[in-house]
PDB file of N, CA and C in Angstrom:
ATOM      1  N   MET A   1      24.584   5.336 -16.527  1.00  0.00           N
ATOM      2  CA  MET A   1      23.372   4.620 -16.189  1.00  0.00           C
ATOM      3  C   MET A   1      23.673   3.159 -15.997  1.00  0.00           C
ATOM      4  N   LYS A   2      22.879   2.521 -15.201  1.00  0.00           N
ATOM      5  CA  LYS A   2      23.143   1.151 -14.864  1.00  0.00           C
ATOM      6  C   LYS A   2      22.615   0.117 -15.962  1.00  0.00           C
ATOM      7  N   TYR A   3      21.399   0.403 -16.454  1.00  0.00           N
ATOM      8  CA  TYR A   3      20.774  -0.550 -17.403  1.00  0.00           C
ATOM      9  C   TYR A   3      20.491   0.208 -18.670  1.00  0.00           C
ATOM     10  N   SER A   4      20.542  -0.573 -19.772  1.00  0.00           N
ATOM     11  CA  SER A   4      20.110  -0.026 -21.083  1.00  0.00           C
ATOM     12  C   SER A   4      18.967  -0.933 -21.598  1.00  0.00           C
ATOM     13  N   TYR A   5      17.999  -0.277 -22.127  1.00  0.00           N
ATOM     14  CA  TYR A   5      16.742  -0.913 -22.593  1.00  0.00           C
ATOM     15  C   TYR A   5      16.637  -0.748 -24.081  1.00  0.00           C
ATOM     16  N   LYS A   6      16.332  -1.832 -24.783  1.00  0.00           N
ATOM     17  CA  LYS A   6      16.036  -1.786 -26.231  1.00  0.00           C
ATOM     18  C   LYS A   6      14.517  -1.721 -26.408  1.00  0.00           C
ATOM     19  N   VAL A   7      14.060  -0.678 -27.020  1.00  0.00           N
ATOM     20  CA  VAL A   7      12.626  -0.478 -27.218  1.00  0.00           C
ATOM     21  C   VAL A   7      12.319  -0.704 -28.669  1.00  0.00           C
ATOM     22  N   LYS A   8      11.403  -1.625 -28.939  1.00  0.00           N
ATOM     23  CA  LYS A   8      10.989  -1.991 -30.334  1.00  0.00           C
ATOM     24  C   LYS A   8       9.511  -1.829 -30.423  1.00  0.00           C
ATOM     25  N   GLU A   9       9.113  -0.947 -31.307  1.00  0.00           N
ATOM     26  CA  GLU A   9       7.645  -0.721 -31.577  1.00  0.00           C
ATOM     27  C   GLU A   9       7.104  -1.718 -32.563  1.00  0.00           C
ATOM     28  N   GLN A  10       5.895  -2.151 -32.326  1.00  0.00           N
ATOM     29  CA  GLN A  10       5.212  -3.070 -33.230  1.00  0.00           C
ATOM     30  C   GLN A  10       5.042  -2.480 -34.600  1.00  0.00           C
ATOM     31  N   GLY A  11       5.398  -3.233 -35.649  1.00  0.00           N
ATOM     32  CA  GLY A  11       5.187  -2.774 -36.955  1.00  0.00           C
ATOM     33  C   GLY A  11       6.372  -1.925 -37.512  1.00  0.00           C
ATOM     34  N   SER A  12       7.414  -1.810 -36.751  1.00  0.00           N
ATOM     35  CA  SER A  12       8.617  -1.071 -37.207  1.00  0.00           C
ATOM     36  C   SER A  12       9.841  -1.842 -36.909  1.00  0.00           C
ATOM     37  N   ASP A  13      10.868  -1.669 -37.719  1.00  0.00           N
ATOM     38  CA  ASP A  13      12.069  -2.420 -37.587  1.00  0.00           C
ATOM     39  C   ASP A  13      13.111  -1.722 -36.763  1.00  0.00           C
ATOM     40  N   LYS A  14      12.896  -0.456 -36.414  1.00  0.00           N
ATOM     41  CA  LYS A  14      13.937   0.288 -35.689  1.00  0.00           C
ATOM     42  C   LYS A  14      13.821   0.005 -34.189  1.00  0.00           C
ATOM     43  N   GLU A  15      15.054  -0.055 -33.572  1.00  0.00           N
ATOM     44  CA  GLU A  15      15.155  -0.245 -32.132  1.00  0.00           C
ATOM     45  C   GLU A  15      15.742   1.036 -31.500  1.00  0.00           C
ATOM     46  N   GLU A  16      15.168   1.480 -30.426  1.00  0.00           N
ATOM     47  CA  GLU A  16      15.666   2.631 -29.728  1.00  0.00           C
ATOM     48  C   GLU A  16      16.286   2.216 -28.452  1.00  0.00           C
ATOM     49  N   MET A  17      17.565   2.739 -28.159  1.00  0.00           N
ATOM     50  CA  MET A  17      18.185   2.395 -26.907  1.00  0.00           C
ATOM     51  C   MET A  17      17.956   3.543 -25.891  1.00  0.00           C
ATOM     52  N   MET A  18      17.492   3.115 -24.723  1.00  0.00           N
ATOM     53  CA  MET A  18      17.317   4.096 -23.580  1.00  0.00           C
ATOM     54  C   MET A  18      18.015   3.570 -22.393  1.00  0.00           C
ATOM     55  N   GLU A  19      18.376   4.480 -21.507  1.00  0.00           N
ATOM     56  CA  GLU A  19      19.072   4.062 -20.281  1.00  0.00           C
ATOM     57  C   GLU A  19      18.351   4.646 -19.064  1.00  0.00           C
ATOM     58  N   ALA A  20      18.499   3.899 -17.936  1.00  0.00           N
ATOM     59  CA  ALA A  20      17.914   4.319 -16.695  1.00  0.00           C
ATOM     60  C   ALA A  20      18.577   3.514 -15.528  1.00  0.00           C
ATOM     61  N   MET A  21      18.395   3.957 -14.331  1.00  0.00           N
ATOM     62  CA  MET A  21      19.001   3.315 -13.168  1.00  0.00           C
ATOM     63  C   MET A  21      18.218   2.073 -12.706  1.00  0.00           C
ATOM     64  N   SER A  22      16.914   2.074 -12.974  1.00  0.00           N
ATOM     65  CA  SER A  22      16.099   0.891 -12.583  1.00  0.00           C
ATOM     66  C   SER A  22      14.927   0.798 -13.560  1.00  0.00           C
ATOM     67  N   TRP A  23      14.191  -0.378 -13.470  1.00  0.00           N
ATOM     68  CA  TRP A  23      13.039  -0.590 -14.285  1.00  0.00           C
ATOM     69  C   TRP A  23      11.933   0.386 -13.938  1.00  0.00           C
ATOM     70  N   LYS A  24      11.691   0.620 -12.662  1.00  0.00           N
ATOM     71  CA  LYS A  24      10.625   1.502 -12.212  1.00  0.00           C
ATOM     72  C   LYS A  24      10.867   2.928 -12.760  1.00  0.00           C
ATOM     73  N   LYS A  25      12.069   3.394 -12.643  1.00  0.00           N
ATOM     74  CA  LYS A  25      12.357   4.752 -13.089  1.00  0.00           C
ATOM     75  C   LYS A  25      12.297   4.854 -14.640  1.00  0.00           C
ATOM     76  N   PHE A  26      12.694   3.817 -15.318  1.00  0.00           N
ATOM     77  CA  PHE A  26      12.586   3.752 -16.781  1.00  0.00           C
ATOM     78  C   PHE A  26      11.140   3.797 -17.192  1.00  0.00           C
ATOM     79  N   LEU A  27      10.320   2.954 -16.585  1.00  0.00           N
ATOM     80  CA  LEU A  27       8.905   2.804 -16.944  1.00  0.00           C
ATOM     81  C   LEU A  27       8.145   4.098 -16.679  1.00  0.00           C
ATOM     82  N   LYS A  28       8.474   4.812 -15.601  1.00  0.00           N
ATOM     83  CA  LYS A  28       7.795   6.032 -15.305  1.00  0.00           C
ATOM     84  C   LYS A  28       8.086   7.117 -16.374  1.00  0.00           C
ATOM     85  N   SER A  29       9.330   7.259 -16.763  1.00  0.00           N
ATOM     86  CA  SER A  29       9.695   8.222 -17.797  1.00  0.00           C
ATOM     87  C   SER A  29       9.220   7.815 -19.159  1.00  0.00           C
ATOM     88  N   PHE A  30       9.245   6.460 -19.402  1.00  0.00           N
ATOM     89  CA  PHE A  30       8.788   5.973 -20.716  1.00  0.00           C
ATOM     90  C   PHE A  30       7.298   6.130 -20.958  1.00  0.00           C
ATOM     91  N   LYS A  31       6.478   5.936 -19.918  1.00  0.00           N
ATOM     92  CA  LYS A  31       5.017   6.119 -20.091  1.00  0.00           C
ATOM     93  C   LYS A  31       4.662   7.563 -20.287  1.00  0.00           C
ATOM     94  N   LEU A  32       5.432   8.468 -19.744  1.00  0.00           N
ATOM     95  CA  LEU A  32       5.162   9.890 -20.002  1.00  0.00           C
ATOM     96  C   LEU A  32       5.454  10.230 -21.436  1.00  0.00           C
ATOM     97  N   LYS A  33       6.527   9.658 -21.981  1.00  0.00           N
ATOM     98  CA  LYS A  33       6.915   9.940 -23.378  1.00  0.00           C
ATOM     99  C   LYS A  33       6.024   9.270 -24.375  1.00  0.00           C
ATOM    100  N   TYR A  34       5.674   8.001 -24.139  1.00  0.00           N
ATOM    101  CA  TYR A  34       4.877   7.152 -25.068  1.00  0.00           C
ATOM    102  C   TYR A  34       3.676   6.572 -24.288  1.00  0.00           C
ATOM    103  N   PRO A  35       2.580   7.343 -24.073  1.00  0.00           N
ATOM    104  CA  PRO A  35       1.470   6.796 -23.310  1.00  0.00           C
ATOM    105  C   PRO A  35       0.695   5.612 -23.906  1.00  0.00           C
ATOM    106  N   LYS A  36       0.667   5.513 -25.246  1.00  0.00           N
ATOM    107  CA  LYS A  36      -0.089   4.430 -25.913  1.00  0.00           C
ATOM    108  C   LYS A  36       0.867   3.533 -26.664  1.00  0.00           C
ATOM    109  N   PHE A  37       1.957   3.129 -26.020  1.00  0.00           N
ATOM    110  CA  PHE A  37       2.970   2.282 -26.689  1.00  0.00           C
ATOM    111  C   PHE A  37       2.524   0.865 -26.871  1.00  0.00           C
ATOM    112  N   THR A  38       2.771   0.331 -28.060  1.00  0.00           N
ATOM    113  CA  THR A  38       2.553  -1.078 -28.340  1.00  0.00           C
ATOM    114  C   THR A  38       3.837  -1.661 -28.910  1.00  0.00           C
ATOM    115  N   GLY A  39       4.365  -2.613 -28.229  1.00  0.00           N
ATOM    116  CA  GLY A  39       5.636  -3.240 -28.677  1.00  0.00           C
ATOM    117  C   GLY A  39       6.244  -3.972 -27.564  1.00  0.00           C
ATOM    118  N   SER A  40       7.652  -4.119 -27.621  1.00  0.00           N
ATOM    119  CA  SER A  40       8.373  -4.874 -26.596  1.00  0.00           C
ATOM    120  C   SER A  40       9.558  -4.076 -26.120  1.00  0.00           C
ATOM    121  N   ILE A  41      10.045  -4.388 -24.868  1.00  0.00           N
ATOM    122  CA  ILE A  41      11.216  -3.835 -24.296  1.00  0.00           C
ATOM    123  C   ILE A  41      12.022  -4.914 -23.794  1.00  0.00           C
ATOM    124  N   ASN A  42      13.298  -4.921 -24.218  1.00  0.00           N
ATOM    125  CA  ASN A  42      14.276  -5.939 -23.786  1.00  0.00           C
ATOM    126  C   ASN A  42      15.424  -5.311 -22.949  1.00  0.00           C
ATOM    127  N   TYR A  43      15.855  -6.036 -21.893  1.00  0.00           N
ATOM    128  CA  TYR A  43      16.957  -5.599 -21.102  1.00  0.00           C
ATOM    129  C   TYR A  43      17.593  -6.786 -20.398  1.00  0.00           C
ATOM    130  N   VAL A  44      18.726  -6.632 -19.839  1.00  0.00           N
ATOM    131  CA  VAL A  44      19.467  -7.610 -19.070  1.00  0.00           C
ATOM    132  C   VAL A  44      19.414  -7.237 -17.613  1.00  0.00           C
ATOM    133  N   ASN A  45      18.864  -8.099 -16.717  1.00  0.00           N
ATOM    134  CA  ASN A  45      18.757  -7.705 -15.352  1.00  0.00           C
ATOM    135  C   ASN A  45      20.105  -7.943 -14.606  1.00  0.00           C
ATOM    136  N   LYS A  46      20.007  -7.664 -13.278  1.00  0.00           N
ATOM    137  CA  LYS A  46      21.285  -7.726 -12.487  1.00  0.00           C
ATOM    138  C   LYS A  46      21.788  -9.205 -12.346  1.00  0.00           C
ATOM    139  N   LYS A  47      21.022 -10.175 -12.658  1.00  0.00           N
ATOM    140  CA  LYS A  47      21.496 -11.583 -12.599  1.00  0.00           C
ATOM    141  C   LYS A  47      21.842 -12.079 -14.035  1.00  0.00           C
ATOM    142  N   ASN A  48      22.019 -11.093 -14.931  1.00  0.00           N
ATOM    143  CA  ASN A  48      22.415 -11.345 -16.343  1.00  0.00           C
ATOM    144  C   ASN A  48      21.452 -12.278 -17.092  1.00  0.00           C
ATOM    145  N   ARG A  49      20.191 -12.053 -16.833  1.00  0.00           N
ATOM    146  CA  ARG A  49      19.142 -12.765 -17.609  1.00  0.00           C
ATOM    147  C   ARG A  49      18.495 -11.827 -18.495  1.00  0.00           C
ATOM    148  N   ASN A  50      18.205 -12.239 -19.738  1.00  0.00           N
ATOM    149  CA  ASN A  50      17.583 -11.417 -20.715  1.00  0.00           C
ATOM    150  C   ASN A  50      16.069 -11.401 -20.454  1.00  0.00           C
ATOM    151  N   ILE A  51      15.519 -10.210 -20.264  1.00  0.00           N
ATOM    152  CA  ILE A  51      14.119 -10.024 -19.949  1.00  0.00           C
ATOM    153  C   ILE A  51      13.428  -9.306 -21.099  1.00  0.00           C
ATOM    154  N   THR A  52      12.247  -9.854 -21.502  1.00  0.00           N
ATOM    155  CA  THR A  52      11.446  -9.233 -22.510  1.00  0.00           C
ATOM    156  C   THR A  52      10.076  -8.878 -21.906  1.00  0.00           C
ATOM    157  N   ARG A  53       9.670  -7.645 -22.016  1.00  0.00           N
ATOM    158  CA  ARG A  53       8.376  -7.248 -21.541  1.00  0.00           C
ATOM    159  C   ARG A  53       7.562  -6.677 -22.729  1.00  0.00           C
ATOM    160  N   SER A  54       6.340  -7.073 -22.837  1.00  0.00           N
ATOM    161  CA  SER A  54       5.490  -6.616 -23.974  1.00  0.00           C
ATOM    162  C   SER A  54       4.417  -5.697 -23.449  1.00  0.00           C
ATOM    163  N   PHE A  55       4.063  -4.771 -24.329  1.00  0.00           N
ATOM    164  CA  PHE A  55       3.022  -3.754 -23.968  1.00  0.00           C
ATOM    165  C   PHE A  55       2.063  -3.666 -25.128  1.00  0.00           C
ATOM    166  N   ARG A  56       0.821  -3.402 -24.783  1.00  0.00           N
ATOM    167  CA  ARG A  56      -0.246  -3.164 -25.744  1.00  0.00           C
ATOM    168  C   ARG A  56      -1.097  -1.994 -25.286  1.00  0.00           C
ATOM    169  N   ASN A  57      -1.135  -0.894 -26.100  1.00  0.00           N
ATOM    170  CA  ASN A  57      -1.877   0.278 -25.792  1.00  0.00           C
ATOM    171  C   ASN A  57      -1.492   0.895 -24.453  1.00  0.00           C
ATOM    172  N   GLY A  58      -0.184   0.871 -24.082  1.00  0.00           N
ATOM    173  CA  GLY A  58       0.281   1.504 -22.918  1.00  0.00           C
ATOM    174  C   GLY A  58       0.246   0.683 -21.628  1.00  0.00           C
ATOM    175  N   LYS A  59      -0.288  -0.523 -21.740  1.00  0.00           N
ATOM    176  CA  LYS A  59      -0.395  -1.395 -20.553  1.00  0.00           C
ATOM    177  C   LYS A  59       0.406  -2.644 -20.820  1.00  0.00           C
ATOM    178  N   GLU A  60       1.061  -3.153 -19.738  1.00  0.00           N
ATOM    179  CA  GLU A  60       1.927  -4.333 -19.854  1.00  0.00           C
ATOM    180  C   GLU A  60       1.021  -5.542 -20.049  1.00  0.00           C
ATOM    181  N   ASN A  61       1.411  -6.345 -21.073  1.00  0.00           N
ATOM    182  CA  ASN A  61       0.663  -7.572 -21.420  1.00  0.00           C
ATOM    183  C   ASN A  61       1.352  -8.759 -20.695  1.00  0.00           C
ATOM    184  N   THR A  62       0.815  -9.165 -19.531  1.00  0.00           N
ATOM    185  CA  THR A  62       1.511 -10.205 -18.806  1.00  0.00           C
ATOM    186  C   THR A  62       0.848 -11.510 -18.693  1.00  0.00           C
ATOM    187  N   TYR A  63      -0.225 -11.708 -19.411  1.00  0.00           N
ATOM    188  CA  TYR A  63      -0.967 -12.985 -19.267  1.00  0.00           C
ATOM    189  C   TYR A  63      -1.480 -13.412 -20.629  1.00  0.00           C
ATOM    190  N   GLY A  64      -1.869 -14.622 -20.719  1.00  0.00           N
ATOM    191  CA  GLY A  64      -2.572 -15.155 -21.979  1.00  0.00           C
ATOM    192  C   GLY A  64      -1.604 -15.817 -22.889  1.00  0.00           C
ATOM    193  N   ASP A  65      -2.120 -16.465 -23.895  1.00  0.00           N
ATOM    194  CA  ASP A  65      -1.277 -17.217 -24.895  1.00  0.00           C
ATOM    195  C   ASP A  65      -0.655 -16.256 -25.876  1.00  0.00           C
ATOM    196  N   ASN A  66      -1.195 -15.112 -26.102  1.00  0.00           N
ATOM    197  CA  ASN A  66      -0.694 -14.169 -27.088  1.00  0.00           C
ATOM    198  C   ASN A  66       0.186 -13.078 -26.472  1.00  0.00           C
ATOM    199  N   GLN A  67       0.902 -13.397 -25.431  1.00  0.00           N
ATOM    200  CA  GLN A  67       1.717 -12.382 -24.746  1.00  0.00           C
ATOM    201  C   GLN A  67       2.774 -11.817 -25.649  1.00  0.00           C
ATOM    202  N   TYR A  68       3.455 -12.614 -26.401  1.00  0.00           N
ATOM    203  CA  TYR A  68       4.557 -12.127 -27.318  1.00  0.00           C
ATOM    204  C   TYR A  68       4.178 -12.345 -28.773  1.00  0.00           C
ATOM    205  N   ASP A  69       2.925 -12.282 -29.116  1.00  0.00           N
ATOM    206  CA  ASP A  69       2.498 -12.528 -30.493  1.00  0.00           C
ATOM    207  C   ASP A  69       2.973 -11.497 -31.479  1.00  0.00           C
ATOM    208  N   PHE A  70       3.287 -10.315 -31.062  1.00  0.00           N
ATOM    209  CA  PHE A  70       3.747  -9.309 -32.043  1.00  0.00           C
ATOM    210  C   PHE A  70       5.252  -9.001 -31.933  1.00  0.00           C
ATOM    211  N   VAL A  71       6.000  -9.695 -31.094  1.00  0.00           N
ATOM    212  CA  VAL A  71       7.405  -9.449 -30.892  1.00  0.00           C
ATOM    213  C   VAL A  71       8.206 -10.061 -32.061  1.00  0.00           C
TER     214      VAL A  71
END
């Protein structure tokens, strides 16, 4: 696989490593497995930048001051 993703659920200390060929393919399979996920996903993109995406109740939290309040 091309990319590895670190999945961290809110309120828990364990991190799960998952792999996929792209973000879109990962997200599609991830939402089927965890439809109401709350937490963060970290990965390194093709330009070697660390990306953190946060989710609340299965939807990506992309706006507001409290975007990473639970990370």
